[in-house]
Amino acid sequence: MIRKALPEDMPVILKIYEQARRFMAEHGNPRQWGNTSPAQNVLEEDIRKERLYLCERDEKICGVFAFPVGEDPTYEKIEGGGWKLNTPYGTIHRMAGNGQETGVFAECLAWCREQIGHIRIDTHEDNRIMQHLIEKHGFVRCGIIHVADGSPRIAYEWMEDI
């Protein structure tokens, strides 16, 4: 089940991101989130704007992700390629699982696809596991975008019926 995150969920959310950072570092991707990303204030803002979601199984939180719908300033400029469509889209950000459950990405993605038929996502070049998941689920690599700190990310797009 997917539901909106609430302020009282923050301790579990922070624990999931801590575990995700550790997993990423152990699997060759220590730079994407470093030791502190995503910052708690960013997550609190996501909750206030009602765009942070949780994946729950048996009343236990096993995944967390942001899913804003609408223009994402980070995606305005893309290098080495281009977007396939210029229609309204949702963006998956800050996807993390608790490391104990399988299929969390697929479950969250299925929910996102029910919300809108055009989705964008990006990941760090060192995040081979996420690249595999993204491509396995039908996303097309579109080019390189740069996040707020200027670092590059591989950008992907998925469109319903295309």
N, C-alpha and C. Protein backbone atom coordinates (compact mmCIF):
# COMPACT_ATOMS: atom_id res chain seq x y z
N MET A 1 0.84 -1.18 0.00
CA MET A 1 0.00 0.00 0.00
C MET A 1 0.89 1.25 0.00
N ILE A 2 0.51 2.22 -0.78
CA ILE A 2 1.22 3.50 -0.82
C ILE A 2 0.35 4.55 -0.13
N ARG A 3 0.97 5.34 0.72
CA ARG A 3 0.25 6.43 1.40
C ARG A 3 1.18 7.62 1.55
N LYS A 4 0.57 8.79 1.80
CA LYS A 4 1.36 9.99 2.05
C LYS A 4 2.07 9.87 3.39
N ALA A 5 3.29 10.37 3.43
CA ALA A 5 4.05 10.39 4.68
C ALA A 5 3.50 11.48 5.59
N LEU A 6 3.59 11.24 6.87
CA LEU A 6 3.15 12.18 7.90
C LEU A 6 4.34 12.57 8.77
N PRO A 7 4.27 13.72 9.44
CA PRO A 7 5.40 14.14 10.28
C PRO A 7 5.82 13.07 11.30
N GLU A 8 4.86 12.35 11.84
CA GLU A 8 5.19 11.33 12.85
C GLU A 8 5.91 10.12 12.26
N ASP A 9 5.98 10.01 10.95
CA ASP A 9 6.72 8.93 10.29
C ASP A 9 8.22 9.23 10.18
N MET A 10 8.63 10.44 10.53
CA MET A 10 10.01 10.87 10.28
C MET A 10 11.08 9.96 10.88
N PRO A 11 10.95 9.45 12.10
CA PRO A 11 12.01 8.57 12.61
C PRO A 11 12.25 7.34 11.73
N VAL A 12 11.20 6.73 11.24
CA VAL A 12 11.34 5.55 10.38
C VAL A 12 11.90 5.97 9.02
N ILE A 13 11.44 7.09 8.49
CA ILE A 13 11.94 7.59 7.21
C ILE A 13 13.44 7.83 7.28
N LEU A 14 13.89 8.49 8.33
CA LEU A 14 15.32 8.77 8.49
C LEU A 14 16.13 7.48 8.60
N LYS A 15 15.58 6.50 9.27
CA LYS A 15 16.28 5.21 9.41
C LYS A 15 16.39 4.51 8.05
N ILE A 16 15.36 4.57 7.24
CA ILE A 16 15.41 3.95 5.91
C ILE A 16 16.47 4.64 5.06
N TYR A 17 16.51 5.96 5.08
CA TYR A 17 17.53 6.65 4.29
C TYR A 17 18.94 6.37 4.82
N GLU A 18 19.10 6.25 6.12
CA GLU A 18 20.41 5.91 6.68
C GLU A 18 20.86 4.54 6.15
N GLN A 19 19.95 3.59 6.18
CA GLN A 19 20.28 2.25 5.69
C GLN A 19 20.58 2.30 4.19
N ALA A 20 19.82 3.08 3.44
CA ALA A 20 20.02 3.19 1.99
C ALA A 20 21.39 3.79 1.68
N ARG A 21 21.79 4.82 2.42
CA ARG A 21 23.12 5.42 2.21
C ARG A 21 24.23 4.40 2.46
N ARG A 22 24.05 3.61 3.50
CA ARG A 22 25.04 2.57 3.83
C ARG A 22 25.10 1.52 2.70
N PHE A 23 23.94 1.08 2.23
CA PHE A 23 23.86 0.10 1.15
C PHE A 23 24.52 0.65 -0.12
N MET A 24 24.21 1.90 -0.46
CA MET A 24 24.78 2.51 -1.66
C MET A 24 26.30 2.56 -1.56
N ALA A 25 26.82 2.96 -0.42
CA ALA A 25 28.27 3.05 -0.24
C ALA A 25 28.91 1.67 -0.35
N GLU A 26 28.27 0.66 0.21
CA GLU A 26 28.80 -0.70 0.16
C GLU A 26 28.78 -1.28 -1.26
N HIS A 27 27.95 -0.72 -2.13
CA HIS A 27 27.79 -1.24 -3.49
C HIS A 27 28.32 -0.27 -4.54
N GLY A 28 29.37 0.48 -4.19
CA GLY A 28 30.09 1.29 -5.15
C GLY A 28 29.51 2.66 -5.46
N ASN A 29 28.58 3.13 -4.64
CA ASN A 29 27.96 4.42 -4.88
C ASN A 29 27.97 5.29 -3.62
N PRO A 30 29.15 5.67 -3.13
CA PRO A 30 29.20 6.47 -1.90
C PRO A 30 28.93 7.95 -2.11
N ARG A 31 28.98 8.43 -3.36
CA ARG A 31 28.90 9.87 -3.61
C ARG A 31 27.48 10.41 -3.80
N GLN A 32 26.56 9.59 -4.28
CA GLN A 32 25.24 10.11 -4.63
C GLN A 32 24.55 10.80 -3.45
N TRP A 33 24.49 10.16 -2.32
CA TRP A 33 23.84 10.74 -1.15
C TRP A 33 24.82 11.06 -0.04
N GLY A 34 26.07 10.67 -0.18
CA GLY A 34 27.06 10.95 0.86
C GLY A 34 26.63 10.40 2.20
N ASN A 35 26.84 11.18 3.26
CA ASN A 35 26.48 10.75 4.61
C ASN A 35 25.24 11.44 5.15
N THR A 36 24.69 12.39 4.40
CA THR A 36 23.61 13.20 4.98
C THR A 36 22.40 13.42 4.08
N SER A 37 22.46 13.01 2.84
CA SER A 37 21.35 13.29 1.94
C SER A 37 20.39 12.10 1.91
N PRO A 38 19.12 12.33 1.78
CA PRO A 38 18.47 13.63 1.76
C PRO A 38 18.38 14.23 3.17
N ALA A 39 18.53 15.54 3.22
CA ALA A 39 18.50 16.25 4.50
C ALA A 39 17.09 16.21 5.10
N GLN A 40 17.02 16.19 6.41
CA GLN A 40 15.73 16.13 7.09
C GLN A 40 14.83 17.29 6.70
N ASN A 41 15.39 18.49 6.53
CA ASN A 41 14.53 19.63 6.18
C ASN A 41 13.91 19.45 4.78
N VAL A 42 14.63 18.79 3.87
CA VAL A 42 14.08 18.50 2.54
C VAL A 42 12.90 17.54 2.67
N LEU A 43 13.06 16.52 3.49
CA LEU A 43 11.99 15.54 3.70
C LEU A 43 10.79 16.19 4.39
N GLU A 44 11.04 17.07 5.35
CA GLU A 44 9.95 17.78 6.02
C GLU A 44 9.19 18.66 5.03
N GLU A 45 9.92 19.30 4.12
CA GLU A 45 9.25 20.10 3.09
C GLU A 45 8.42 19.21 2.16
N ASP A 46 8.97 18.06 1.80
CA ASP A 46 8.20 17.10 0.97
C ASP A 46 6.90 16.70 1.66
N ILE A 47 6.96 16.48 2.97
CA ILE A 47 5.75 16.12 3.72
C ILE A 47 4.77 17.28 3.72
N ARG A 48 5.25 18.49 3.99
CA ARG A 48 4.37 19.67 4.00
C ARG A 48 3.69 19.86 2.64
N LYS A 49 4.44 19.62 1.57
CA LYS A 49 3.88 19.79 0.22
C LYS A 49 3.13 18.55 -0.26
N GLU A 50 2.99 17.57 0.62
CA GLU A 50 2.25 16.33 0.35
C GLU A 50 2.75 15.61 -0.90
N ARG A 51 4.08 15.47 -0.98
CA ARG A 51 4.67 14.77 -2.13
C ARG A 51 5.65 13.67 -1.70
N LEU A 52 5.70 13.36 -0.40
CA LEU A 52 6.51 12.26 0.08
C LEU A 52 5.57 11.10 0.41
N TYR A 53 5.92 9.94 -0.11
CA TYR A 53 5.04 8.77 0.01
C TYR A 53 5.79 7.61 0.64
N LEU A 54 5.01 6.73 1.27
CA LEU A 54 5.55 5.55 1.91
C LEU A 54 4.93 4.31 1.32
N CYS A 55 5.74 3.27 1.22
CA CYS A 55 5.26 1.95 0.84
C CYS A 55 5.14 1.15 2.13
N GLU A 56 3.96 0.65 2.39
CA GLU A 56 3.72 -0.12 3.62
C GLU A 56 3.28 -1.53 3.27
N ARG A 57 3.78 -2.47 4.04
CA ARG A 57 3.36 -3.87 3.95
C ARG A 57 3.12 -4.36 5.37
N ASP A 58 1.96 -4.92 5.61
CA ASP A 58 1.60 -5.39 6.95
C ASP A 58 1.83 -4.30 8.01
N GLU A 59 1.42 -3.07 7.67
CA GLU A 59 1.51 -1.91 8.55
C GLU A 59 2.94 -1.54 8.92
N LYS A 60 3.91 -2.00 8.12
CA LYS A 60 5.32 -1.68 8.34
C LYS A 60 5.83 -0.90 7.13
N ILE A 61 6.48 0.24 7.39
CA ILE A 61 7.03 1.06 6.31
C ILE A 61 8.26 0.36 5.75
N CYS A 62 8.24 0.09 4.44
CA CYS A 62 9.38 -0.60 3.82
C CYS A 62 10.01 0.21 2.69
N GLY A 63 9.42 1.35 2.34
CA GLY A 63 9.99 2.19 1.30
C GLY A 63 9.50 3.62 1.41
N VAL A 64 10.26 4.52 0.81
CA VAL A 64 9.92 5.95 0.83
C VAL A 64 10.39 6.58 -0.47
N PHE A 65 9.61 7.53 -0.98
CA PHE A 65 9.98 8.24 -2.21
C PHE A 65 9.18 9.52 -2.31
N ALA A 66 9.76 10.49 -3.03
CA ALA A 66 9.04 11.73 -3.34
C ALA A 66 8.47 11.58 -4.74
N PHE A 67 7.27 12.12 -4.96
CA PHE A 67 6.64 12.06 -6.28
C PHE A 67 5.87 13.35 -6.56
N PRO A 68 6.61 14.42 -6.89
CA PRO A 68 5.91 15.64 -7.31
C PRO A 68 5.43 15.49 -8.76
N VAL A 69 4.27 16.03 -9.03
CA VAL A 69 3.74 16.04 -10.39
C VAL A 69 3.77 17.48 -10.88
N GLY A 70 4.32 17.68 -12.06
CA GLY A 70 4.45 19.01 -12.63
C GLY A 70 5.89 19.26 -13.06
N GLU A 71 6.13 20.43 -13.59
CA GLU A 71 7.46 20.78 -14.09
C GLU A 71 8.51 20.69 -12.99
N ASP A 72 9.62 20.05 -13.28
CA ASP A 72 10.73 19.95 -12.35
C ASP A 72 11.88 20.78 -12.91
N PRO A 73 12.28 21.86 -12.21
CA PRO A 73 13.32 22.74 -12.73
C PRO A 73 14.63 22.01 -13.06
N THR A 74 14.92 20.96 -12.31
CA THR A 74 16.15 20.19 -12.56
C THR A 74 16.16 19.59 -13.96
N TYR A 75 14.98 19.36 -14.53
CA TYR A 75 14.86 18.68 -15.82
C TYR A 75 14.70 19.64 -16.99
N GLU A 76 14.78 20.94 -16.73
CA GLU A 76 14.62 21.90 -17.83
C GLU A 76 15.73 21.79 -18.85
N LYS A 77 16.96 21.54 -18.40
CA LYS A 77 18.09 21.44 -19.30
C LYS A 77 18.61 20.01 -19.28
N ILE A 78 18.72 19.41 -20.46
CA ILE A 78 19.23 18.05 -20.57
C ILE A 78 20.31 18.04 -21.65
N GLU A 79 21.40 17.37 -21.37
CA GLU A 79 22.53 17.31 -22.29
C GLU A 79 22.69 15.91 -22.84
N GLY A 80 23.26 15.82 -24.05
CA GLY A 80 23.57 14.52 -24.63
C GLY A 80 22.35 13.72 -25.01
N GLY A 81 21.27 14.40 -25.32
CA GLY A 81 20.03 13.72 -25.69
C GLY A 81 18.88 14.69 -25.59
N GLY A 82 17.73 14.19 -25.20
CA GLY A 82 16.55 15.04 -25.05
C GLY A 82 15.37 14.22 -24.58
N TRP A 83 14.37 14.93 -24.08
CA TRP A 83 13.15 14.27 -23.64
C TRP A 83 12.34 13.82 -24.84
N LYS A 84 11.62 12.74 -24.69
CA LYS A 84 10.80 12.19 -25.78
C LYS A 84 9.47 12.93 -25.91
N LEU A 85 8.92 13.36 -24.79
CA LEU A 85 7.62 14.05 -24.78
C LEU A 85 7.72 15.31 -23.94
N ASN A 86 6.87 16.27 -24.26
CA ASN A 86 6.78 17.50 -23.48
C ASN A 86 5.35 17.64 -22.95
N THR A 87 4.91 16.60 -22.25
CA THR A 87 3.58 16.59 -21.66
C THR A 87 3.73 16.58 -20.13
N PRO A 88 2.66 16.85 -19.38
CA PRO A 88 2.76 16.81 -17.92
C PRO A 88 3.33 15.47 -17.44
N TYR A 89 4.16 15.54 -16.38
CA TYR A 89 4.82 14.34 -15.89
C TYR A 89 4.97 14.39 -14.38
N GLY A 90 5.21 13.24 -13.82
CA GLY A 90 5.58 13.11 -12.42
C GLY A 90 7.05 12.72 -12.37
N THR A 91 7.70 13.06 -11.27
CA THR A 91 9.12 12.75 -11.11
C THR A 91 9.33 11.95 -9.84
N ILE A 92 10.02 10.84 -9.97
CA ILE A 92 10.37 10.04 -8.80
C ILE A 92 11.73 10.52 -8.29
N HIS A 93 11.74 10.93 -7.03
CA HIS A 93 12.98 11.36 -6.37
C HIS A 93 13.15 10.60 -5.06
N ARG A 94 14.37 10.48 -4.63
CA ARG A 94 14.71 9.99 -3.28
C ARG A 94 14.10 8.62 -2.95
N MET A 95 14.09 7.71 -3.91
CA MET A 95 13.55 6.36 -3.70
C MET A 95 14.50 5.55 -2.83
N ALA A 96 13.96 4.96 -1.77
CA ALA A 96 14.77 4.10 -0.90
C ALA A 96 13.89 3.03 -0.28
N GLY A 97 14.46 1.85 -0.14
CA GLY A 97 13.79 0.75 0.54
C GLY A 97 14.49 0.45 1.85
N ASN A 98 13.84 -0.35 2.69
CA ASN A 98 14.40 -0.66 4.00
C ASN A 98 15.47 -1.75 3.94
N GLY A 99 15.69 -2.35 2.78
CA GLY A 99 16.71 -3.38 2.64
C GLY A 99 16.27 -4.76 3.09
N GLN A 100 15.04 -4.88 3.58
CA GLN A 100 14.53 -6.16 4.05
C GLN A 100 13.46 -6.73 3.13
N GLU A 101 12.76 -5.85 2.44
CA GLU A 101 11.68 -6.27 1.54
C GLU A 101 12.16 -6.20 0.10
N THR A 102 11.67 -7.10 -0.74
CA THR A 102 11.98 -7.07 -2.16
C THR A 102 10.79 -6.49 -2.92
N GLY A 103 11.06 -5.97 -4.11
CA GLY A 103 10.00 -5.47 -4.97
C GLY A 103 9.44 -4.12 -4.59
N VAL A 104 10.12 -3.39 -3.72
CA VAL A 104 9.63 -2.08 -3.28
C VAL A 104 9.60 -1.09 -4.45
N PHE A 105 10.68 -1.06 -5.24
CA PHE A 105 10.70 -0.15 -6.40
C PHE A 105 9.53 -0.44 -7.33
N ALA A 106 9.30 -1.71 -7.65
CA ALA A 106 8.22 -2.08 -8.57
C ALA A 106 6.86 -1.68 -8.02
N GLU A 107 6.64 -1.85 -6.73
CA GLU A 107 5.36 -1.49 -6.12
C GLU A 107 5.14 0.02 -6.14
N CYS A 108 6.17 0.77 -5.81
CA CYS A 108 6.07 2.23 -5.82
C CYS A 108 5.86 2.73 -7.25
N LEU A 109 6.59 2.17 -8.19
CA LEU A 109 6.46 2.57 -9.58
C LEU A 109 5.06 2.27 -10.11
N ALA A 110 4.51 1.12 -9.78
CA ALA A 110 3.15 0.78 -10.23
C ALA A 110 2.15 1.83 -9.74
N TRP A 111 2.31 2.27 -8.50
CA TRP A 111 1.42 3.30 -7.96
C TRP A 111 1.60 4.61 -8.73
N CYS A 112 2.86 4.99 -8.98
CA CYS A 112 3.13 6.23 -9.72
C CYS A 112 2.48 6.17 -11.11
N ARG A 113 2.58 5.04 -11.76
CA ARG A 113 2.01 4.88 -13.10
C ARG A 113 0.49 4.98 -13.09
N GLU A 114 -0.13 4.65 -11.96
CA GLU A 114 -1.58 4.83 -11.84
C GLU A 114 -1.95 6.31 -11.74
N GLN A 115 -1.02 7.13 -11.27
CA GLN A 115 -1.28 8.56 -11.07
C GLN A 115 -1.15 9.35 -12.36
N ILE A 116 -0.17 8.97 -13.21
CA ILE A 116 0.10 9.74 -14.43
C ILE A 116 0.87 8.83 -15.41
N GLY A 117 0.61 9.02 -16.68
CA GLY A 117 1.21 8.17 -17.71
C GLY A 117 2.53 8.66 -18.27
N HIS A 118 3.19 9.57 -17.59
CA HIS A 118 4.48 10.10 -18.04
C HIS A 118 5.32 10.36 -16.80
N ILE A 119 6.44 9.63 -16.68
CA ILE A 119 7.26 9.71 -15.48
C ILE A 119 8.72 9.91 -15.85
N ARG A 120 9.40 10.73 -15.08
CA ARG A 120 10.84 10.94 -15.23
C ARG A 120 11.52 10.55 -13.92
N ILE A 121 12.77 10.14 -14.06
CA ILE A 121 13.58 9.74 -12.90
C ILE A 121 15.04 9.91 -13.28
N ASP A 122 15.89 10.09 -12.31
CA ASP A 122 17.33 10.18 -12.59
C ASP A 122 18.10 9.47 -11.50
N THR A 123 19.35 9.15 -11.81
CA THR A 123 20.22 8.52 -10.82
C THR A 123 21.68 8.82 -11.12
N HIS A 124 22.51 8.60 -10.15
CA HIS A 124 23.95 8.84 -10.25
C HIS A 124 24.60 7.77 -11.14
N GLU A 125 25.66 8.15 -11.83
CA GLU A 125 26.36 7.21 -12.71
C GLU A 125 26.91 6.01 -11.96
N ASP A 126 27.20 6.14 -10.67
CA ASP A 126 27.71 5.02 -9.88
C ASP A 126 26.61 4.11 -9.35
N ASN A 127 25.37 4.52 -9.47
CA ASN A 127 24.26 3.74 -8.92
C ASN A 127 23.79 2.70 -9.95
N ARG A 128 24.61 1.70 -10.13
CA ARG A 128 24.33 0.65 -11.13
C ARG A 128 23.06 -0.14 -10.79
N ILE A 129 22.81 -0.34 -9.51
CA ILE A 129 21.62 -1.09 -9.11
C ILE A 129 20.36 -0.35 -9.53
N MET A 130 20.31 0.96 -9.26
CA MET A 130 19.13 1.73 -9.65
C MET A 130 19.02 1.83 -11.17
N GLN A 131 20.13 2.01 -11.86
CA GLN A 131 20.08 2.03 -13.33
C GLN A 131 19.45 0.75 -13.86
N HIS A 132 19.85 -0.39 -13.30
CA HIS A 132 19.28 -1.67 -13.73
C HIS A 132 17.77 -1.72 -13.47
N LEU A 133 17.35 -1.32 -12.28
CA LEU A 133 15.92 -1.32 -11.96
C LEU A 133 15.12 -0.42 -12.89
N ILE A 134 15.64 0.79 -13.11
CA ILE A 134 14.96 1.76 -13.96
C ILE A 134 14.79 1.20 -15.37
N GLU A 135 15.86 0.69 -15.93
CA GLU A 135 15.81 0.17 -17.30
C GLU A 135 14.96 -1.09 -17.39
N LYS A 136 15.03 -1.94 -16.37
CA LYS A 136 14.22 -3.17 -16.32
C LYS A 136 12.72 -2.85 -16.37
N HIS A 137 12.35 -1.69 -15.84
CA HIS A 137 10.94 -1.31 -15.78
C HIS A 137 10.52 -0.40 -16.94
N GLY A 138 11.27 -0.42 -18.02
CA GLY A 138 10.82 0.22 -19.25
C GLY A 138 11.16 1.68 -19.44
N PHE A 139 11.99 2.24 -18.59
CA PHE A 139 12.40 3.63 -18.77
C PHE A 139 13.46 3.70 -19.87
N VAL A 140 13.47 4.81 -20.59
CA VAL A 140 14.42 5.06 -21.67
C VAL A 140 15.41 6.12 -21.20
N ARG A 141 16.69 5.85 -21.40
CA ARG A 141 17.74 6.81 -21.06
C ARG A 141 17.65 7.97 -22.04
N CYS A 142 17.57 9.21 -21.51
CA CYS A 142 17.36 10.39 -22.37
C CYS A 142 18.55 11.34 -22.41
N GLY A 143 19.45 11.29 -21.45
CA GLY A 143 20.59 12.20 -21.43
C GLY A 143 21.06 12.45 -20.01
N ILE A 144 21.73 13.57 -19.82
CA ILE A 144 22.30 13.93 -18.52
C ILE A 144 21.70 15.26 -18.06
N ILE A 145 21.25 15.26 -16.81
CA ILE A 145 20.79 16.49 -16.17
C ILE A 145 21.76 16.79 -15.03
N HIS A 146 21.67 17.99 -14.47
CA HIS A 146 22.51 18.36 -13.33
C HIS A 146 21.61 18.77 -12.17
N VAL A 147 21.90 18.21 -11.00
CA VAL A 147 21.10 18.53 -9.82
C VAL A 147 21.60 19.84 -9.21
N ALA A 148 20.98 20.27 -8.14
CA ALA A 148 21.23 21.59 -7.56
C ALA A 148 22.70 21.86 -7.26
N ASP A 149 23.44 20.85 -6.84
CA ASP A 149 24.86 21.07 -6.53
C ASP A 149 25.75 21.01 -7.77
N GLY A 150 25.14 20.84 -8.94
CA GLY A 150 25.88 20.82 -10.20
C GLY A 150 26.34 19.46 -10.66
N SER A 151 26.18 18.45 -9.83
CA SER A 151 26.64 17.12 -10.22
C SER A 151 25.68 16.48 -11.23
N PRO A 152 26.24 15.67 -12.15
CA PRO A 152 25.43 15.08 -13.21
C PRO A 152 24.64 13.86 -12.74
N ARG A 153 23.52 13.64 -13.40
CA ARG A 153 22.70 12.46 -13.18
C ARG A 153 22.21 11.94 -14.53
N ILE A 154 22.11 10.63 -14.63
CA ILE A 154 21.54 10.01 -15.82
C ILE A 154 20.03 10.16 -15.72
N ALA A 155 19.42 10.73 -16.76
CA ALA A 155 17.98 11.01 -16.75
C ALA A 155 17.24 10.01 -17.63
N TYR A 156 16.10 9.56 -17.13
CA TYR A 156 15.28 8.57 -17.81
C TYR A 156 13.84 9.07 -17.90
N GLU A 157 13.11 8.45 -18.83
CA GLU A 157 11.70 8.81 -19.04
C GLU A 157 10.92 7.56 -19.36
N TRP A 158 9.68 7.51 -18.89
CA TRP A 158 8.74 6.44 -19.22
C TRP A 158 7.44 7.10 -19.64
N MET A 159 6.87 6.58 -20.72
CA MET A 159 5.59 7.09 -21.19
C MET A 159 4.65 5.91 -21.43
N GLU A 160 3.43 6.06 -20.96
CA GLU A 160 2.41 5.04 -21.18
C GLU A 160 2.14 4.88 -22.67
N ASP A 161 2.03 3.65 -23.13
CA ASP A 161 1.67 3.34 -24.53
C ASP A 161 2.68 3.81 -25.55
N ILE A 162 3.92 4.00 -25.15
CA ILE A 162 4.94 4.37 -26.14
C ILE A 162 6.09 3.41 -26.04
